[in-house]
Each structure stands twice: as C-alpha cells, then as structure tokens.
C-alpha cells in the first residue's frame, strides 16, 4: 500500500522485496568484510554493493511511478540473480540468507516487469 497515494499499490510487493534485498545485501557486505577469507569474497562483496544500489534505485523508480521502472526491474532481476549466485558459493548463514533474499527479489522484479 502506498504511503500517501494509491498509485504504487500494484508494485508494493516488488518495492518491499527490493528494499528488503538492499538491506540484506548491505548487511551481508558488512558481515563478509569480517570473515577470515575476505580476499576470497572480493567479487561477492562488489556484487553485494551493486545489487543493493540497484535494488534501491528500482524501489525509487517504482515509488515515483517512473516510465522506466520496468527496465530497472529487469536489470535488477539480472543483478539479483548474479548476487544470489555469488553469495551461494559461501556456506555461512549470512551469505545463504542473502542469496535467498536476492532470489526472492529477482522473482518479484521479473513479475513486476512483465505486468
């Protein structure tokens, strides 16, 4: 449900998934920096930031009912898939949970973009 209007109601599930995924990626980013094998996680860490930023931007585009929101969500789904793949290579709990959030967000973004 939109905060002040109803125009974003159709995208609210995707907006929520994007915000949640961005938070998960930033949390995972912080946790990965504290892992003993941080050097092995360089690609994952970079992808986490890229994914979080793309999720934030997609949520913003949907919130303003932008004409390019579907394009952003298509790209967001691709980046979320990539992030899920990177995170799933590491067996710690934070990476596994983040990978799941990324998969969920990618699915919601694909649904939104196909509406």
N, C-alpha and C. Protein backbone atom coordinates (compact mmCIF):
# COMPACT_ATOMS: atom_id res chain seq x y z
N UNK A 1 0.84 -1.17 0.00
CA UNK A 1 0.00 0.00 0.00
C UNK A 1 0.89 1.24 0.00
N UNK A 2 0.59 2.15 -0.89
CA UNK A 2 1.35 3.38 -0.96
C UNK A 2 1.31 4.14 0.36
N UNK A 3 2.28 5.00 0.56
CA UNK A 3 2.36 5.76 1.79
C UNK A 3 1.38 6.93 1.77
N UNK A 4 1.36 7.68 0.66
CA UNK A 4 0.45 8.83 0.59
C UNK A 4 -0.51 8.78 -0.58
N UNK A 5 -0.28 7.89 -1.53
CA UNK A 5 -1.20 7.71 -2.65
C UNK A 5 -1.38 6.22 -2.89
N UNK A 6 -2.26 5.90 -3.80
CA UNK A 6 -2.52 4.50 -4.14
C UNK A 6 -1.84 4.11 -5.44
N UNK A 7 -1.11 5.04 -6.08
CA UNK A 7 -0.56 4.77 -7.42
C UNK A 7 0.48 3.67 -7.43
N UNK A 8 1.14 3.42 -6.32
CA UNK A 8 2.18 2.39 -6.31
C UNK A 8 1.69 1.05 -5.78
N UNK A 9 0.41 0.95 -5.45
CA UNK A 9 -0.12 -0.29 -4.87
C UNK A 9 0.21 -1.52 -5.71
N UNK A 10 0.13 -1.39 -7.02
CA UNK A 10 0.38 -2.56 -7.88
C UNK A 10 1.82 -3.03 -7.81
N UNK A 11 2.73 -2.17 -7.37
CA UNK A 11 4.15 -2.50 -7.28
C UNK A 11 4.65 -2.70 -5.86
N UNK A 12 3.76 -2.62 -4.88
CA UNK A 12 4.21 -2.59 -3.49
C UNK A 12 4.99 -3.85 -3.09
N UNK A 13 4.55 -5.00 -3.55
CA UNK A 13 5.26 -6.23 -3.21
C UNK A 13 6.69 -6.19 -3.73
N UNK A 14 6.86 -5.69 -4.94
CA UNK A 14 8.19 -5.58 -5.53
C UNK A 14 9.02 -4.51 -4.82
N UNK A 15 8.40 -3.38 -4.51
CA UNK A 15 9.11 -2.32 -3.77
C UNK A 15 9.63 -2.89 -2.45
N UNK A 16 8.77 -3.58 -1.73
CA UNK A 16 9.16 -4.17 -0.45
C UNK A 16 10.29 -5.18 -0.61
N UNK A 17 10.22 -6.01 -1.66
CA UNK A 17 11.27 -7.00 -1.90
C UNK A 17 12.60 -6.33 -2.22
N UNK A 18 12.54 -5.24 -2.98
CA UNK A 18 13.77 -4.50 -3.33
C UNK A 18 14.40 -3.86 -2.10
N UNK A 19 13.58 -3.25 -1.26
CA UNK A 19 14.10 -2.62 -0.04
C UNK A 19 14.70 -3.67 0.88
N UNK A 20 14.01 -4.79 1.02
CA UNK A 20 14.50 -5.87 1.87
C UNK A 20 15.81 -6.46 1.32
N UNK A 21 15.88 -6.62 0.01
CA UNK A 21 17.08 -7.18 -0.61
C UNK A 21 18.27 -6.22 -0.43
N UNK A 22 18.03 -4.93 -0.62
CA UNK A 22 19.10 -3.95 -0.42
C UNK A 22 19.64 -4.03 1.01
N UNK A 23 18.73 -4.11 1.97
CA UNK A 23 19.16 -4.22 3.36
C UNK A 23 19.97 -5.49 3.58
N UNK A 24 19.48 -6.61 3.05
CA UNK A 24 20.19 -7.88 3.20
C UNK A 24 21.59 -7.80 2.58
N UNK A 25 21.70 -7.18 1.42
CA UNK A 25 23.00 -7.07 0.75
C UNK A 25 23.97 -6.21 1.56
N UNK A 26 23.49 -5.10 2.10
CA UNK A 26 24.36 -4.26 2.91
C UNK A 26 24.78 -4.98 4.20
N UNK A 27 23.86 -5.72 4.81
CA UNK A 27 24.21 -6.48 6.00
C UNK A 27 25.22 -7.57 5.67
N UNK A 28 25.02 -8.25 4.57
CA UNK A 28 25.94 -9.31 4.15
C UNK A 28 27.31 -8.72 3.80
N UNK A 29 27.31 -7.57 3.15
CA UNK A 29 28.55 -6.85 2.83
C UNK A 29 29.36 -6.64 4.11
N UNK A 30 28.72 -6.12 5.13
CA UNK A 30 29.40 -5.86 6.40
C UNK A 30 29.92 -7.16 7.02
N UNK A 31 29.09 -8.19 7.00
CA UNK A 31 29.49 -9.47 7.57
C UNK A 31 30.65 -10.09 6.79
N UNK A 32 30.62 -9.99 5.48
CA UNK A 32 31.70 -10.55 4.65
C UNK A 32 33.03 -9.86 4.93
N UNK A 33 32.99 -8.56 5.18
CA UNK A 33 34.23 -7.83 5.48
C UNK A 33 34.90 -8.34 6.76
N UNK A 34 34.12 -8.99 7.62
CA UNK A 34 34.66 -9.51 8.87
C UNK A 34 34.98 -11.00 8.83
N UNK A 35 34.84 -11.61 7.68
CA UNK A 35 35.17 -13.04 7.55
C UNK A 35 36.68 -13.20 7.35
N UNK A 36 37.23 -14.31 7.85
CA UNK A 36 38.68 -14.52 7.72
C UNK A 36 39.15 -14.69 6.26
N UNK A 37 38.25 -15.11 5.39
CA UNK A 37 38.61 -15.30 3.97
C UNK A 37 38.13 -14.14 3.10
N UNK A 38 38.20 -12.93 3.63
CA UNK A 38 37.67 -11.76 2.93
C UNK A 38 38.25 -11.63 1.52
N UNK A 39 39.49 -12.00 1.32
CA UNK A 39 40.09 -11.89 -0.02
C UNK A 39 39.41 -12.80 -1.03
N UNK A 40 38.89 -13.92 -0.59
CA UNK A 40 38.18 -14.84 -1.48
C UNK A 40 36.79 -14.32 -1.83
N UNK A 41 36.35 -13.30 -1.11
CA UNK A 41 34.99 -12.77 -1.27
C UNK A 41 34.94 -11.46 -2.05
N UNK A 42 36.03 -11.05 -2.64
CA UNK A 42 36.08 -9.75 -3.32
C UNK A 42 34.97 -9.61 -4.35
N UNK A 43 34.79 -10.59 -5.24
CA UNK A 43 33.73 -10.50 -6.25
C UNK A 43 32.35 -10.46 -5.61
N UNK A 44 32.18 -11.23 -4.58
CA UNK A 44 30.90 -11.26 -3.87
C UNK A 44 30.62 -9.90 -3.24
N UNK A 45 31.61 -9.34 -2.59
CA UNK A 45 31.44 -8.05 -1.92
C UNK A 45 31.09 -6.95 -2.92
N UNK A 46 31.78 -6.94 -4.05
CA UNK A 46 31.48 -5.95 -5.09
C UNK A 46 30.05 -6.13 -5.60
N UNK A 47 29.65 -7.36 -5.81
CA UNK A 47 28.32 -7.65 -6.32
C UNK A 47 27.25 -7.28 -5.30
N UNK A 48 27.53 -7.48 -4.03
CA UNK A 48 26.59 -7.10 -2.97
C UNK A 48 26.26 -5.61 -3.03
N UNK A 49 27.27 -4.79 -3.22
CA UNK A 49 27.05 -3.34 -3.28
C UNK A 49 26.28 -2.99 -4.55
N UNK A 50 26.66 -3.59 -5.66
CA UNK A 50 25.96 -3.33 -6.92
C UNK A 50 24.48 -3.71 -6.80
N UNK A 51 24.23 -4.85 -6.21
CA UNK A 51 22.86 -5.33 -6.05
C UNK A 51 22.06 -4.41 -5.13
N UNK A 52 22.65 -4.04 -4.01
CA UNK A 52 21.95 -3.16 -3.07
C UNK A 52 21.59 -1.83 -3.72
N UNK A 53 22.52 -1.26 -4.45
CA UNK A 53 22.27 0.04 -5.09
C UNK A 53 21.20 -0.10 -6.18
N UNK A 54 21.24 -1.18 -6.94
CA UNK A 54 20.24 -1.38 -7.99
C UNK A 54 18.86 -1.60 -7.38
N UNK A 55 18.80 -2.34 -6.29
CA UNK A 55 17.52 -2.55 -5.61
C UNK A 55 16.96 -1.24 -5.09
N UNK A 56 17.80 -0.42 -4.51
CA UNK A 56 17.35 0.88 -4.02
C UNK A 56 16.80 1.71 -5.17
N UNK A 57 17.53 1.74 -6.28
CA UNK A 57 17.09 2.55 -7.42
C UNK A 57 15.78 2.01 -7.99
N UNK A 58 15.64 0.72 -8.06
CA UNK A 58 14.40 0.14 -8.59
C UNK A 58 13.21 0.49 -7.70
N UNK A 59 13.41 0.41 -6.38
CA UNK A 59 12.34 0.78 -5.46
C UNK A 59 11.97 2.25 -5.64
N UNK A 60 12.97 3.09 -5.84
CA UNK A 60 12.72 4.51 -6.06
C UNK A 60 11.94 4.74 -7.36
N UNK A 61 12.34 4.06 -8.42
CA UNK A 61 11.66 4.22 -9.72
C UNK A 61 10.20 3.79 -9.63
N UNK A 62 9.95 2.67 -8.95
CA UNK A 62 8.57 2.22 -8.79
C UNK A 62 7.79 3.18 -7.91
N UNK A 63 8.42 3.72 -6.87
CA UNK A 63 7.74 4.64 -5.95
C UNK A 63 7.31 5.92 -6.65
N UNK A 64 8.08 6.35 -7.64
CA UNK A 64 7.71 7.57 -8.36
C UNK A 64 6.92 7.25 -9.63
N UNK A 65 6.55 5.95 -9.78
CA UNK A 65 5.76 5.51 -10.93
C UNK A 65 6.43 5.89 -12.25
N UNK A 66 7.74 5.71 -12.29
CA UNK A 66 8.55 6.06 -13.45
C UNK A 66 8.23 5.18 -14.65
N UNK A 67 8.29 5.78 -15.81
CA UNK A 67 8.10 5.02 -17.05
C UNK A 67 9.20 4.02 -17.31
N UNK A 68 10.34 4.19 -16.66
CA UNK A 68 11.46 3.25 -16.87
C UNK A 68 11.57 2.23 -15.73
N UNK A 69 10.57 2.16 -14.87
CA UNK A 69 10.63 1.24 -13.74
C UNK A 69 10.75 -0.21 -14.20
N UNK A 70 10.04 -0.58 -15.25
CA UNK A 70 10.12 -1.97 -15.73
C UNK A 70 11.52 -2.30 -16.22
N UNK A 71 12.15 -1.36 -16.91
CA UNK A 71 13.52 -1.58 -17.38
C UNK A 71 14.47 -1.75 -16.19
N UNK A 72 14.30 -0.91 -15.19
CA UNK A 72 15.13 -1.02 -13.98
C UNK A 72 14.90 -2.36 -13.30
N UNK A 73 13.66 -2.79 -13.23
CA UNK A 73 13.37 -4.06 -12.57
C UNK A 73 13.91 -5.25 -13.34
N UNK A 74 13.90 -5.18 -14.66
CA UNK A 74 14.52 -6.25 -15.44
C UNK A 74 16.01 -6.36 -15.14
N UNK A 75 16.69 -5.21 -15.12
CA UNK A 75 18.12 -5.21 -14.81
C UNK A 75 18.34 -5.62 -13.36
N UNK A 76 17.48 -5.18 -12.47
CA UNK A 76 17.59 -5.54 -11.06
C UNK A 76 17.49 -7.07 -10.90
N UNK A 77 16.59 -7.69 -11.61
CA UNK A 77 16.45 -9.15 -11.53
C UNK A 77 17.74 -9.84 -11.96
N UNK A 78 18.35 -9.34 -13.02
CA UNK A 78 19.61 -9.92 -13.50
C UNK A 78 20.71 -9.78 -12.46
N UNK A 79 20.82 -8.61 -11.87
CA UNK A 79 21.86 -8.36 -10.87
C UNK A 79 21.58 -9.16 -9.60
N UNK A 80 20.32 -9.26 -9.21
CA UNK A 80 19.97 -10.08 -8.05
C UNK A 80 20.33 -11.54 -8.28
N UNK A 81 20.08 -12.04 -9.47
CA UNK A 81 20.46 -13.43 -9.79
C UNK A 81 21.97 -13.62 -9.66
N UNK A 82 22.72 -12.66 -10.17
CA UNK A 82 24.18 -12.72 -10.08
C UNK A 82 24.64 -12.69 -8.63
N UNK A 83 24.02 -11.83 -7.82
CA UNK A 83 24.38 -11.73 -6.42
C UNK A 83 24.04 -13.02 -5.67
N UNK A 84 22.89 -13.59 -5.97
CA UNK A 84 22.50 -14.85 -5.34
C UNK A 84 23.51 -15.94 -5.67
N UNK A 85 23.97 -15.95 -6.90
CA UNK A 85 24.96 -16.95 -7.31
C UNK A 85 26.27 -16.75 -6.55
N UNK A 86 26.72 -15.51 -6.44
CA UNK A 86 27.96 -15.21 -5.71
C UNK A 86 27.84 -15.60 -4.24
N UNK A 87 26.75 -15.17 -3.61
CA UNK A 87 26.57 -15.45 -2.19
C UNK A 87 26.43 -16.94 -1.91
N UNK A 88 25.79 -17.66 -2.80
CA UNK A 88 25.56 -19.08 -2.55
C UNK A 88 26.86 -19.90 -2.57
N UNK A 89 27.93 -19.32 -3.05
CA UNK A 89 29.22 -20.02 -3.04
C UNK A 89 29.82 -20.10 -1.64
N UNK A 90 29.32 -19.26 -0.74
CA UNK A 90 29.84 -19.25 0.62
C UNK A 90 28.79 -19.85 1.55
N UNK A 91 29.22 -20.72 2.43
CA UNK A 91 28.29 -21.54 3.22
C UNK A 91 27.85 -20.89 4.52
N UNK A 92 28.39 -19.73 4.86
CA UNK A 92 27.98 -19.10 6.12
C UNK A 92 26.53 -18.64 6.03
N UNK A 93 25.92 -18.51 7.18
CA UNK A 93 24.49 -18.21 7.28
C UNK A 93 24.12 -16.89 6.61
N UNK A 94 24.93 -15.85 6.80
CA UNK A 94 24.56 -14.55 6.24
C UNK A 94 24.55 -14.57 4.72
N UNK A 95 25.49 -15.28 4.11
CA UNK A 95 25.50 -15.36 2.64
C UNK A 95 24.35 -16.21 2.11
N UNK A 96 24.03 -17.28 2.80
CA UNK A 96 22.91 -18.12 2.37
C UNK A 96 21.58 -17.39 2.47
N UNK A 97 21.39 -16.64 3.55
CA UNK A 97 20.15 -15.86 3.72
C UNK A 97 20.08 -14.74 2.69
N UNK A 98 21.21 -14.11 2.42
CA UNK A 98 21.23 -13.03 1.43
C UNK A 98 20.91 -13.59 0.04
N UNK A 99 21.48 -14.73 -0.28
CA UNK A 99 21.21 -15.35 -1.58
C UNK A 99 19.71 -15.59 -1.75
N UNK A 100 19.04 -16.02 -0.69
CA UNK A 100 17.60 -16.26 -0.76
C UNK A 100 16.84 -14.96 -0.96
N UNK A 101 17.23 -13.91 -0.25
CA UNK A 101 16.58 -12.61 -0.44
C UNK A 101 16.76 -12.12 -1.87
N UNK A 102 17.94 -12.32 -2.42
CA UNK A 102 18.21 -11.91 -3.80
C UNK A 102 17.33 -12.68 -4.79
N UNK A 103 17.17 -13.98 -4.56
CA UNK A 103 16.31 -14.79 -5.44
C UNK A 103 14.86 -14.31 -5.36
N UNK A 104 14.40 -14.03 -4.17
CA UNK A 104 13.03 -13.54 -3.99
C UNK A 104 12.84 -12.22 -4.71
N UNK A 105 13.80 -11.33 -4.55
CA UNK A 105 13.71 -10.02 -5.21
C UNK A 105 13.73 -10.17 -6.72
N UNK A 106 14.60 -11.02 -7.23
CA UNK A 106 14.67 -11.25 -8.68
C UNK A 106 13.32 -11.74 -9.20
N UNK A 107 12.70 -12.65 -8.48
CA UNK A 107 11.38 -13.17 -8.89
C UNK A 107 10.33 -12.06 -8.90
N UNK A 108 10.32 -11.24 -7.85
CA UNK A 108 9.35 -10.13 -7.79
C UNK A 108 9.60 -9.10 -8.88
N UNK A 109 10.86 -8.82 -9.16
CA UNK A 109 11.20 -7.86 -10.22
C UNK A 109 10.76 -8.38 -11.59
N UNK A 110 10.94 -9.66 -11.84
CA UNK A 110 10.50 -10.24 -13.11
C UNK A 110 8.99 -10.17 -13.24
N UNK A 111 8.27 -10.44 -12.14
CA UNK A 111 6.80 -10.33 -12.15
C UNK A 111 6.37 -8.90 -12.47
N UNK A 112 7.00 -7.95 -11.78
CA UNK A 112 6.63 -6.54 -11.98
C UNK A 112 6.90 -6.11 -13.42
N UNK A 113 8.04 -6.49 -13.95
CA UNK A 113 8.42 -6.07 -15.29
C UNK A 113 7.53 -6.69 -16.37
N UNK A 114 6.87 -7.80 -16.04
CA UNK A 114 6.02 -8.45 -17.03
C UNK A 114 4.56 -7.98 -16.97
N UNK A 115 4.24 -7.09 -16.01
CA UNK A 115 2.87 -6.58 -15.88
C UNK A 115 2.55 -5.59 -16.98
